[in-house]
Amino acid sequence: MHYGILGTTTAHHDDGTPVALGGARLRALLAALALRQGRPVPAELLVDEVWADEPPQDAAAALQTLVGRLRRTVGRAEIGSGPAGYWLTGAHTDVADFQRLAADGARALTDGDPAAAADRLTAALALWRGPALADLPDRTAPAARLETQREEARRHRLTAALALGRAAEVTAELAELCRDHPLDEQLQALRLRALRAAGRTAEALSRYEEIRRTLAEQLGTDPGPELRALHRELLTAAPNPPRPPPPRRPSPPPATCAPAAPASSAGRANSPPSPTP
């Protein structure tokens, strides 16, 4: 049996045939057990997670009844029980698959194999069908931990994509992530690198100024060493602004020819006399 909790709670036989699960309480119980991946869950904790703020009057009896329904649904051998609580005996879950693939991808990235990293991380993220633990009444804390792992896997996949020269393909996704996490400096740095790799250095410099203002306004701090170093690289890589052409010197006015002055009488008097015939 394979169980899914990265979205609504699901159960499938080994051949892929889906199992029809019952109502909300049954799905919540299965989600709580699948989350622990085979580890025993105390009865008191299961009551808290399944019924949240509305526990039944006889919580122990209600839980036993619900466990019996789950055993009839997925198979008696699938649910173990003992003094430590209840657990799944065959802990095949999408959470375990996701964590294994995400860890393999992160290792491949560290080992300098971005192609293998991208493949494994893409497969890991494809297992998510919606918000984790959607059927638990109070899912905040455990779902937040899973969402953190999901964001880390996305970060690694985007890093692998950049290493493979796919910057233009991931800039839009990075912009969305940065809008959701404006104070995440590592994520912001990843976006600036993507913009630079896509030939958008001027935009990367503009985004750096936005990040700097956001950090100053919301946290009262300056960007950290990684962002500052990246900013210096961007300034070095930015093309020099074009210099304005030198001012044109005014052309001299065209020369004008002055009219010839008439010969003076003095000049005529000094000229030699014409020969007489």
C-alpha atoms as a PDB file:
ATOM      1  CA  MET A   1       0.000   0.000   0.000  1.00  0.00           C
ATOM      2  CA  HIS A   2       1.187   3.523  -0.798  1.00  0.00           C
ATOM      3  CA  TYR A   3      -0.077   6.582   1.080  1.00  0.00           C
ATOM      4  CA  GLY A   4      -0.129  10.219   0.042  1.00  0.00           C
ATOM      5  CA  ILE A   5      -0.353  13.287   2.277  1.00  0.00           C
ATOM      6  CA  LEU A   6       1.296  15.931   0.067  1.00  0.00           C
ATOM      7  CA  GLY A   7      -2.158  17.239  -0.695  1.00  0.00           C
ATOM      8  CA  THR A   8      -5.380  15.479   0.268  1.00  0.00           C
ATOM      9  CA  THR A   9      -4.948  12.081   1.894  1.00  0.00           C
ATOM     10  CA  THR A  10      -4.804   9.168  -0.557  1.00  0.00           C
ATOM     11  CA  ALA A  11      -4.161   5.434  -0.475  1.00  0.00           C
ATOM     12  CA  HIS A  12      -3.262   3.183  -3.409  1.00  0.00           C
ATOM     13  CA  HIS A  13      -2.673  -0.515  -3.760  1.00  0.00           C
ATOM     14  CA  ASP A  14       0.727  -1.583  -5.043  1.00  0.00           C
ATOM     15  CA  ASP A  15      -0.701  -1.894  -8.564  1.00  0.00           C
ATOM     16  CA  GLY A  16      -1.799   1.748  -8.457  1.00  0.00           C
ATOM     17  CA  THR A  17      -5.490   1.103  -7.826  1.00  0.00           C
ATOM     18  CA  PRO A  18      -6.897   3.842  -5.559  1.00  0.00           C
ATOM     19  CA  VAL A  19      -8.564   2.979  -2.261  1.00  0.00           C
ATOM     20  CA  ALA A  20     -11.842   4.742  -1.477  1.00  0.00           C
ATOM     21  CA  LEU A  21     -11.323   6.417   1.864  1.00  0.00           C
ATOM     22  CA  GLY A  22     -14.165   7.375   4.169  1.00  0.00           C
ATOM     23  CA  GLY A  23     -15.010  10.664   5.829  1.00  0.00           C
ATOM     24  CA  ALA A  24     -12.884  13.461   7.203  1.00  0.00           C
ATOM     25  CA  ARG A  25     -11.990  11.740  10.507  1.00  0.00           C
ATOM     26  CA  LEU A  26     -10.737   8.624   8.737  1.00  0.00           C
ATOM     27  CA  ARG A  27      -8.603  10.660   6.342  1.00  0.00           C
ATOM     28  CA  ALA A  28      -7.235  12.713   9.245  1.00  0.00           C
ATOM     29  CA  LEU A  29      -6.265   9.532  11.128  1.00  0.00           C
ATOM     30  CA  LEU A  30      -4.493   8.112   8.086  1.00  0.00           C
ATOM     31  CA  ALA A  31      -2.700  11.428   7.505  1.00  0.00           C
ATOM     32  CA  ALA A  32      -1.486  11.532  11.111  1.00  0.00           C
ATOM     33  CA  LEU A  33      -0.134   7.968  10.864  1.00  0.00           C
ATOM     34  CA  ALA A  34       1.436   8.466   7.416  1.00  0.00           C
ATOM     35  CA  LEU A  35       3.203  11.598   8.620  1.00  0.00           C
ATOM     36  CA  ARG A  36       5.199   9.490  11.136  1.00  0.00           C
ATOM     37  CA  GLN A  37       6.242   6.973   8.442  1.00  0.00           C
ATOM     38  CA  GLY A  38       5.998   3.825  10.555  1.00  0.00           C
ATOM     39  CA  ARG A  39       6.810   5.313  13.954  1.00  0.00           C
ATOM     40  CA  PRO A  40       4.281   4.683  16.757  1.00  0.00           C
ATOM     41  CA  VAL A  41       1.931   7.561  17.512  1.00  0.00           C
ATOM     42  CA  PRO A  42       0.487   7.722  21.062  1.00  0.00           C
ATOM     43  CA  ALA A  43      -3.287   7.488  21.285  1.00  0.00           C
ATOM     44  CA  GLU A  44      -3.542  10.829  23.076  1.00  0.00           C
ATOM     45  CA  LEU A  45      -1.690  12.589  20.277  1.00  0.00           C
ATOM     46  CA  LEU A  46      -3.884  10.958  17.629  1.00  0.00           C
ATOM     47  CA  VAL A  47      -6.991  12.169  19.435  1.00  0.00           C
ATOM     48  CA  ASP A  48      -5.602  15.710  19.485  1.00  0.00           C
ATOM     49  CA  GLU A  49      -4.730  15.642  15.784  1.00  0.00           C
ATOM     50  CA  VAL A  50      -7.906  13.987  14.529  1.00  0.00           C
ATOM     51  CA  TRP A  51     -10.477  15.817  16.644  1.00  0.00           C
ATOM     52  CA  ALA A  52      -8.481  19.003  17.415  1.00  0.00           C
ATOM     53  CA  ASP A  53     -10.619  21.238  19.680  1.00  0.00           C
ATOM     54  CA  GLU A  54     -13.658  18.933  19.607  1.00  0.00           C
ATOM     55  CA  PRO A  55     -12.571  15.666  21.289  1.00  0.00           C
ATOM     56  CA  PRO A  56     -15.297  13.018  21.801  1.00  0.00           C
ATOM     57  CA  GLN A  57     -16.572  12.273  25.273  1.00  0.00           C
ATOM     58  CA  ASP A  58     -14.970   8.809  25.301  1.00  0.00           C
ATOM     59  CA  ALA A  59     -11.859   9.597  23.259  1.00  0.00           C
ATOM     60  CA  ALA A  60     -10.187   6.189  23.684  1.00  0.00           C
ATOM     61  CA  ALA A  61     -13.264   4.260  22.497  1.00  0.00           C
ATOM     62  CA  ALA A  62     -13.823   6.664  19.595  1.00  0.00           C
ATOM     63  CA  LEU A  63     -10.223   6.235  18.469  1.00  0.00           C
ATOM     64  CA  GLN A  64     -10.432   2.443  18.643  1.00  0.00           C
ATOM     65  CA  THR A  65     -13.587   2.531  16.532  1.00  0.00           C
ATOM     66  CA  LEU A  66     -11.903   4.778  13.967  1.00  0.00           C
ATOM     67  CA  VAL A  67      -8.804   2.567  13.826  1.00  0.00           C
ATOM     68  CA  GLY A  68     -11.075  -0.421  13.204  1.00  0.00           C
ATOM     69  CA  ARG A  69     -12.685   1.382  10.255  1.00  0.00           C
ATOM     70  CA  LEU A  70      -9.267   2.242   8.844  1.00  0.00           C
ATOM     71  CA  ARG A  71      -8.138  -1.378   9.115  1.00  0.00           C
ATOM     72  CA  ARG A  72     -11.196  -2.517   7.201  1.00  0.00           C
ATOM     73  CA  THR A  73     -10.422   0.090   4.540  1.00  0.00           C
ATOM     74  CA  VAL A  74      -6.691  -0.463   3.925  1.00  0.00           C
ATOM     75  CA  GLY A  75      -6.211  -3.925   5.412  1.00  0.00           C
ATOM     76  CA  ARG A  76      -5.825  -5.124   8.984  1.00  0.00           C
ATOM     77  CA  ALA A  77      -2.117  -5.856   8.566  1.00  0.00           C
ATOM     78  CA  GLU A  78      -1.429  -2.266   7.546  1.00  0.00           C
ATOM     79  CA  ILE A  79      -2.091  -0.831  11.022  1.00  0.00           C
ATOM     80  CA  GLY A  80       0.053  -1.892  13.952  1.00  0.00           C
ATOM     81  CA  SER A  81      -0.812  -1.247  17.584  1.00  0.00           C
ATOM     82  CA  GLY A  82       0.774  -1.658  20.995  1.00  0.00           C
ATOM     83  CA  PRO A  83       1.495   0.152  24.245  1.00  0.00           C
ATOM     84  CA  ALA A  84       3.324   2.907  22.320  1.00  0.00           C
ATOM     85  CA  GLY A  85       0.272   3.657  20.196  1.00  0.00           C
ATOM     86  CA  TYR A  86      -0.613   2.996  16.542  1.00  0.00           C
ATOM     87  CA  TRP A  87       1.547   2.980  13.413  1.00  0.00           C
ATOM     88  CA  LEU A  88       1.612   2.055   9.737  1.00  0.00           C
ATOM     89  CA  THR A  89       3.394  -1.222   9.182  1.00  0.00           C
ATOM     90  CA  GLY A  90       4.089  -0.545   5.509  1.00  0.00           C
ATOM     91  CA  ALA A  91       5.262   3.058   5.604  1.00  0.00           C
ATOM     92  CA  HIS A  92       5.350   3.710   1.850  1.00  0.00           C
ATOM     93  CA  THR A  93       4.438   7.387   1.579  1.00  0.00           C
ATOM     94  CA  ASP A  94       4.856  10.230  -0.861  1.00  0.00           C
ATOM     95  CA  VAL A  95       6.599  12.152   1.930  1.00  0.00           C
ATOM     96  CA  ALA A  96       9.317   9.496   2.134  1.00  0.00           C
ATOM     97  CA  ASP A  97       9.657   9.481  -1.659  1.00  0.00           C
ATOM     98  CA  PHE A  98       9.879  13.272  -1.744  1.00  0.00           C
ATOM     99  CA  GLN A  99      12.510  13.435   0.991  1.00  0.00           C
ATOM    100  CA  ARG A 100      14.615  10.714  -0.655  1.00  0.00           C
ATOM    101  CA  LEU A 101      14.537  12.357  -4.096  1.00  0.00           C
ATOM    102  CA  ALA A 102      15.170  15.817  -2.647  1.00  0.00           C
ATOM    103  CA  ALA A 103      18.178  14.545  -0.693  1.00  0.00           C
ATOM    104  CA  ASP A 104      19.534  12.769  -3.795  1.00  0.00           C
ATOM    105  CA  GLY A 105      19.142  15.966  -5.804  1.00  0.00           C
ATOM    106  CA  ALA A 106      20.893  18.108  -3.208  1.00  0.00           C
ATOM    107  CA  ARG A 107      23.769  15.600  -3.104  1.00  0.00           C
ATOM    108  CA  ALA A 108      24.079  15.624  -6.894  1.00  0.00           C
ATOM    109  CA  LEU A 109      24.189  19.417  -6.873  1.00  0.00           C
ATOM    110  CA  THR A 110      26.959  19.401  -4.259  1.00  0.00           C
ATOM    111  CA  ASP A 111      28.864  16.806  -6.316  1.00  0.00           C
ATOM    112  CA  GLY A 112      28.781  19.051  -9.384  1.00  0.00           C
ATOM    113  CA  ASP A 113      26.137  17.163 -11.399  1.00  0.00           C
ATOM    114  CA  PRO A 114      23.392  19.740 -12.027  1.00  0.00           C
ATOM    115  CA  ALA A 115      21.673  17.602 -14.680  1.00  0.00           C
ATOM    116  CA  ALA A 116      21.105  14.713 -12.256  1.00  0.00           C
ATOM    117  CA  ALA A 117      20.151  17.188  -9.549  1.00  0.00           C
ATOM    118  CA  ALA A 118      17.531  18.833 -11.758  1.00  0.00           C
ATOM    119  CA  ASP A 119      15.996  15.459 -12.684  1.00  0.00           C
ATOM    120  CA  ARG A 120      15.673  14.244  -9.105  1.00  0.00           C
ATOM    121  CA  LEU A 121      14.456  17.541  -7.691  1.00  0.00           C
ATOM    122  CA  THR A 122      11.870  17.929 -10.455  1.00  0.00           C
ATOM    123  CA  ALA A 123      10.591  14.425  -9.675  1.00  0.00           C
ATOM    124  CA  ALA A 124      10.482  15.237  -5.952  1.00  0.00           C
ATOM    125  CA  LEU A 125       8.461  18.418  -6.433  1.00  0.00           C
ATOM    126  CA  ALA A 126       6.061  16.699  -8.836  1.00  0.00           C
ATOM    127  CA  LEU A 127       4.817  14.563  -5.910  1.00  0.00           C
ATOM    128  CA  TRP A 128       3.118  17.592  -4.363  1.00  0.00           C
ATOM    129  CA  ARG A 129      -0.589  17.741  -5.254  1.00  0.00           C
ATOM    130  CA  GLY A 130      -1.530  20.672  -3.018  1.00  0.00           C
ATOM    131  CA  PRO A 131      -1.020  21.858   0.576  1.00  0.00           C
ATOM    132  CA  ALA A 132       0.538  19.166   2.738  1.00  0.00           C
ATOM    133  CA  LEU A 133      -1.688  17.384   5.254  1.00  0.00           C
ATOM    134  CA  ALA A 134      -4.787  19.029   3.836  1.00  0.00           C
ATOM    135  CA  ASP A 135      -7.067  16.657   5.784  1.00  0.00           C
ATOM    136  CA  LEU A 136      -5.658  17.358   9.253  1.00  0.00           C
ATOM    137  CA  PRO A 137      -7.828  19.797  11.237  1.00  0.00           C
ATOM    138  CA  ASP A 138      -4.779  21.488  12.763  1.00  0.00           C
ATOM    139  CA  ARG A 139      -1.992  21.098  10.237  1.00  0.00           C
ATOM    140  CA  THR A 140      -0.066  24.311  10.881  1.00  0.00           C
ATOM    141  CA  ALA A 141       3.117  23.091  12.556  1.00  0.00           C
ATOM    142  CA  PRO A 142       3.768  19.807  10.701  1.00  0.00           C
ATOM    143  CA  ALA A 143       2.708  21.289   7.364  1.00  0.00           C
ATOM    144  CA  ALA A 144       5.063  24.237   7.873  1.00  0.00           C
ATOM    145  CA  ARG A 145       7.995  21.849   8.283  1.00  0.00           C
ATOM    146  CA  LEU A 146       7.108  20.065   5.064  1.00  0.00           C
ATOM    147  CA  GLU A 147       6.625  23.353   3.215  1.00  0.00           C
ATOM    148  CA  THR A 148      10.110  24.417   4.345  1.00  0.00           C
ATOM    149  CA  GLN A 149      11.515  21.239   2.828  1.00  0.00           C
ATOM    150  CA  ARG A 150       9.589  21.937  -0.356  1.00  0.00           C
ATOM    151  CA  GLU A 151      11.000  25.472  -0.630  1.00  0.00           C
ATOM    152  CA  GLU A 152      14.512  24.136  -0.101  1.00  0.00           C
ATOM    153  CA  ALA A 153      14.007  21.606  -2.899  1.00  0.00           C
ATOM    154  CA  ARG A 154      12.736  24.377  -5.200  1.00  0.00           C
ATOM    155  CA  ARG A 155      15.787  26.472  -4.360  1.00  0.00           C
ATOM    156  CA  HIS A 156      18.106  23.589  -5.231  1.00  0.00           C
ATOM    157  CA  ARG A 157      16.252  22.874  -8.482  1.00  0.00           C
ATOM    158  CA  LEU A 158      16.508  26.532  -9.535  1.00  0.00           C
ATOM    159  CA  THR A 159      20.222  26.532  -8.693  1.00  0.00           C
ATOM    160  CA  ALA A 160      20.680  23.453 -10.873  1.00  0.00           C
ATOM    161  CA  ALA A 161      18.760  25.117 -13.703  1.00  0.00           C
ATOM    162  CA  LEU A 162      21.081  28.126 -13.559  1.00  0.00           C
ATOM    163  CA  ALA A 163      24.110  25.846 -13.679  1.00  0.00           C
ATOM    164  CA  LEU A 164      22.633  24.250 -16.817  1.00  0.00           C
ATOM    165  CA  GLY A 165      22.270  27.629 -18.527  1.00  0.00           C
ATOM    166  CA  ARG A 166      18.487  27.837 -18.174  1.00  0.00           C
ATOM    167  CA  ALA A 167      18.349  31.272 -16.555  1.00  0.00           C
ATOM    168  CA  ALA A 168      15.700  32.627 -18.919  1.00  0.00           C
ATOM    169  CA  GLU A 169      13.393  29.715 -17.986  1.00  0.00           C
ATOM    170  CA  VAL A 170      13.444  30.355 -14.240  1.00  0.00           C
ATOM    171  CA  THR A 171      13.445  34.144 -13.840  1.00  0.00           C
ATOM    172  CA  ALA A 172       9.635  34.317 -13.657  1.00  0.00           C
ATOM    173  CA  GLU A 173       9.451  31.573 -11.008  1.00  0.00           C
ATOM    174  CA  LEU A 174      12.187  33.259  -8.997  1.00  0.00           C
ATOM    175  CA  ALA A 175      10.348  36.579  -9.181  1.00  0.00           C
ATOM    176  CA  GLU A 176       7.242  34.915  -7.717  1.00  0.00           C
ATOM    177  CA  LEU A 177       9.228  33.257  -4.934  1.00  0.00           C
ATOM    178  CA  CYS A 178      10.978  36.511  -4.080  1.00  0.00           C
ATOM    179  CA  ARG A 179       7.647  38.309  -3.837  1.00  0.00           C
ATOM    180  CA  ASP A 180       6.488  35.666  -1.361  1.00  0.00           C
ATOM    181  CA  HIS A 181       9.778  35.785   0.615  1.00  0.00           C
ATOM    182  CA  PRO A 182      11.091  39.346   0.311  1.00  0.00           C
ATOM    183  CA  LEU A 183      13.495  38.981   3.269  1.00  0.00           C
ATOM    184  CA  ASP A 184      15.106  35.722   2.080  1.00  0.00           C
ATOM    185  CA  GLU A 185      18.534  36.979   1.026  1.00  0.00           C
ATOM    186  CA  GLN A 186      19.719  33.674  -0.445  1.00  0.00           C
ATOM    187  CA  LEU A 187      16.653  33.503  -2.649  1.00  0.00           C
ATOM    188  CA  GLN A 188      17.071  37.134  -3.666  1.00  0.00           C
ATOM    189  CA  ALA A 189      20.707  36.478  -4.575  1.00  0.00           C
ATOM    190  CA  LEU A 190      19.642  33.548  -6.719  1.00  0.00           C
ATOM    191  CA  ARG A 191      17.244  35.814  -8.604  1.00  0.00           C
ATOM    192  CA  LEU A 192      19.952  38.427  -9.206  1.00  0.00           C
ATOM    193  CA  ARG A 193      22.260  35.738 -10.586  1.00  0.00           C
ATOM    194  CA  ALA A 194      19.513  34.528 -12.905  1.00  0.00           C
ATOM    195  CA  LEU A 195      18.916  38.049 -14.204  1.00  0.00           C
ATOM    196  CA  ARG A 196      22.628  38.534 -14.809  1.00  0.00           C
ATOM    197  CA  ALA A 197      22.911  35.205 -16.610  1.00  0.00           C
ATOM    198  CA  ALA A 198      19.928  36.148 -18.769  1.00  0.00           C
ATOM    199  CA  GLY A 199      21.707  39.337 -19.840  1.00  0.00           C
ATOM    200  CA  ARG A 200      19.562  41.631 -17.659  1.00  0.00           C
ATOM    201  CA  THR A 201      22.294  43.159 -15.505  1.00  0.00           C
ATOM    202  CA  ALA A 202      20.664  46.589 -15.340  1.00  0.00           C
ATOM    203  CA  GLU A 203      17.462  45.012 -14.001  1.00  0.00           C
ATOM    204  CA  ALA A 204      19.489  43.014 -11.475  1.00  0.00           C
ATOM    205  CA  LEU A 205      21.051  46.244 -10.181  1.00  0.00           C
ATOM    206  CA  SER A 206      17.599  47.815  -9.887  1.00  0.00           C
ATOM    207  CA  ARG A 207      16.309  44.788  -7.965  1.00  0.00           C
ATOM    208  CA  TYR A 208      19.289  45.006  -5.606  1.00  0.00           C
ATOM    209  CA  GLU A 209      18.292  48.538  -4.686  1.00  0.00           C
ATOM    210  CA  GLU A 210      14.743  47.325  -3.975  1.00  0.00           C
ATOM    211  CA  ILE A 211      16.101  44.575  -1.719  1.00  0.00           C
ATOM    212  CA  ARG A 212      18.354  47.023   0.094  1.00  0.00           C
ATOM    213  CA  ARG A 213      15.434  49.364   0.785  1.00  0.00           C
ATOM    214  CA  THR A 214      13.178  46.504   1.938  1.00  0.00           C
ATOM    215  CA  LEU A 215      15.793  45.207   4.389  1.00  0.00           C
ATOM    216  CA  ALA A 216      16.395  48.702   5.726  1.00  0.00           C
ATOM    217  CA  GLU A 217      12.702  49.497   6.146  1.00  0.00           C
ATOM    218  CA  GLN A 218      11.555  46.177   7.620  1.00  0.00           C
ATOM    219  CA  LEU A 219      14.606  44.952   9.531  1.00  0.00           C
ATOM    220  CA  GLY A 220      16.784  48.024   9.890  1.00  0.00           C
ATOM    221  CA  THR A 221      19.742  46.169   8.350  1.00  0.00           C
ATOM    222  CA  ASP A 222      21.876  46.261   5.226  1.00  0.00           C
ATOM    223  CA  PRO A 223      22.224  43.359   2.768  1.00  0.00           C
ATOM    224  CA  GLY A 224      24.480  40.563   3.954  1.00  0.00           C
ATOM    225  CA  PRO A 225      27.938  39.660   2.599  1.00  0.00           C
ATOM    226  CA  GLU A 226      26.621  37.443  -0.211  1.00  0.00           C
ATOM    227  CA  LEU A 227      24.332  40.121  -1.633  1.00  0.00           C
ATOM    228  CA  ARG A 228      26.950  42.853  -1.256  1.00  0.00           C
ATOM    229  CA  ALA A 229      29.560  40.773  -3.062  1.00  0.00           C
ATOM    230  CA  LEU A 230      27.089  40.022  -5.820  1.00  0.00           C
ATOM    231  CA  HIS A 231      26.279  43.724  -6.099  1.00  0.00           C
ATOM    232  CA  ARG A 232      29.970  44.498  -6.666  1.00  0.00           C
ATOM    233  CA  GLU A 233      30.099  41.840  -9.376  1.00  0.00           C
ATOM    234  CA  LEU A 234      27.050  43.343 -11.045  1.00  0.00           C
ATOM    235  CA  LEU A 235      28.609  46.797 -11.015  1.00  0.00           C
ATOM    236  CA  THR A 236      31.756  45.405 -12.603  1.00  0.00           C
ATOM    237  CA  ALA A 237      29.778  43.568 -15.270  1.00  0.00           C
ATOM    238  CA  ALA A 238      27.467  46.484 -16.068  1.00  0.00           C
ATOM    239  CA  PRO A 239      28.322  48.195 -19.364  1.00  0.00           C
ATOM    240  CA  ASN A 240      29.729  51.712 -19.100  1.00  0.00           C
ATOM    241  CA  PRO A 241      27.062  54.314 -19.742  1.00  0.00           C
ATOM    242  CA  PRO A 242      27.496  55.930 -23.160  1.00  0.00           C
ATOM    243  CA  ARG A 243      29.283  59.237 -23.013  1.00  0.00           C
ATOM    244  CA  PRO A 244      27.487  62.225 -24.495  1.00  0.00           C
ATOM    245  CA  PRO A 245      29.064  63.492 -27.717  1.00  0.00           C
ATOM    246  CA  PRO A 246      31.331  66.526 -27.289  1.00  0.00           C
ATOM    247  CA  PRO A 247      29.594  69.837 -27.906  1.00  0.00           C
ATOM    248  CA  ARG A 248      29.893  71.050 -31.465  1.00  0.00           C
ATOM    249  CA  ARG A 249      31.984  74.164 -31.890  1.00  0.00           C
ATOM    250  CA  PRO A 250      30.123  76.909 -33.692  1.00  0.00           C
ATOM    251  CA  SER A 251      31.181  77.277 -37.299  1.00  0.00           C
ATOM    252  CA  PRO A 252      32.776  80.618 -38.191  1.00  0.00           C
ATOM    253  CA  PRO A 253      30.543  82.885 -40.293  1.00  0.00           C
ATOM    254  CA  PRO A 254      31.250  82.695 -44.024  1.00  0.00           C
ATOM    255  CA  ALA A 255      33.703  85.272 -45.279  1.00  0.00           C
ATOM    256  CA  THR A 256      32.174  88.130 -47.364  1.00  0.00           C
ATOM    257  CA  CYS A 257      34.057  89.987 -50.091  1.00  0.00           C
ATOM    258  CA  ALA A 258      34.128  93.754 -49.481  1.00  0.00           C
ATOM    259  CA  PRO A 259      33.423  95.896 -52.570  1.00  0.00           C
ATOM    260  CA  ALA A 260      36.546  97.352 -54.166  1.00  0.00           C
ATOM    261  CA  ALA A 261      37.183 100.901 -53.082  1.00  0.00           C
ATOM    262  CA  PRO A 262      37.203 103.515 -55.939  1.00  0.00           C
ATOM    263  CA  ALA A 263      40.592 104.754 -56.904  1.00  0.00           C
ATOM    264  CA  SER A 264      41.437 107.935 -55.135  1.00  0.00           C
ATOM    265  CA  SER A 265      42.306 111.154 -56.938  1.00  0.00           C
ATOM    266  CA  ALA A 266      45.652 111.006 -55.287  1.00  0.00           C
ATOM    267  CA  GLY A 267      46.206 107.700 -56.788  1.00  0.00           C
ATOM    268  CA  ARG A 268      45.247 108.969 -60.181  1.00  0.00           C
ATOM    269  CA  ALA A 269      47.555 111.945 -59.844  1.00  0.00           C
ATOM    270  CA  ASN A 270      50.486 109.759 -59.078  1.00  0.00           C
ATOM    271  CA  SER A 271      49.930 107.450 -61.987  1.00  0.00           C
ATOM    272  CA  PRO A 272      52.241 108.021 -64.979  1.00  0.00           C
ATOM    273  CA  PRO A 273      50.859 110.200 -67.784  1.00  0.00           C
ATOM    274  CA  SER A 274      49.591 108.574 -70.881  1.00  0.00           C
ATOM    275  CA  PRO A 275      51.975 108.859 -73.805  1.00  0.00           C
ATOM    276  CA  THR A 276      51.015 111.595 -76.315  1.00  0.00           C
ATOM    277  CA  PRO A 277      50.872 110.748 -79.963  1.00  0.00           C
END
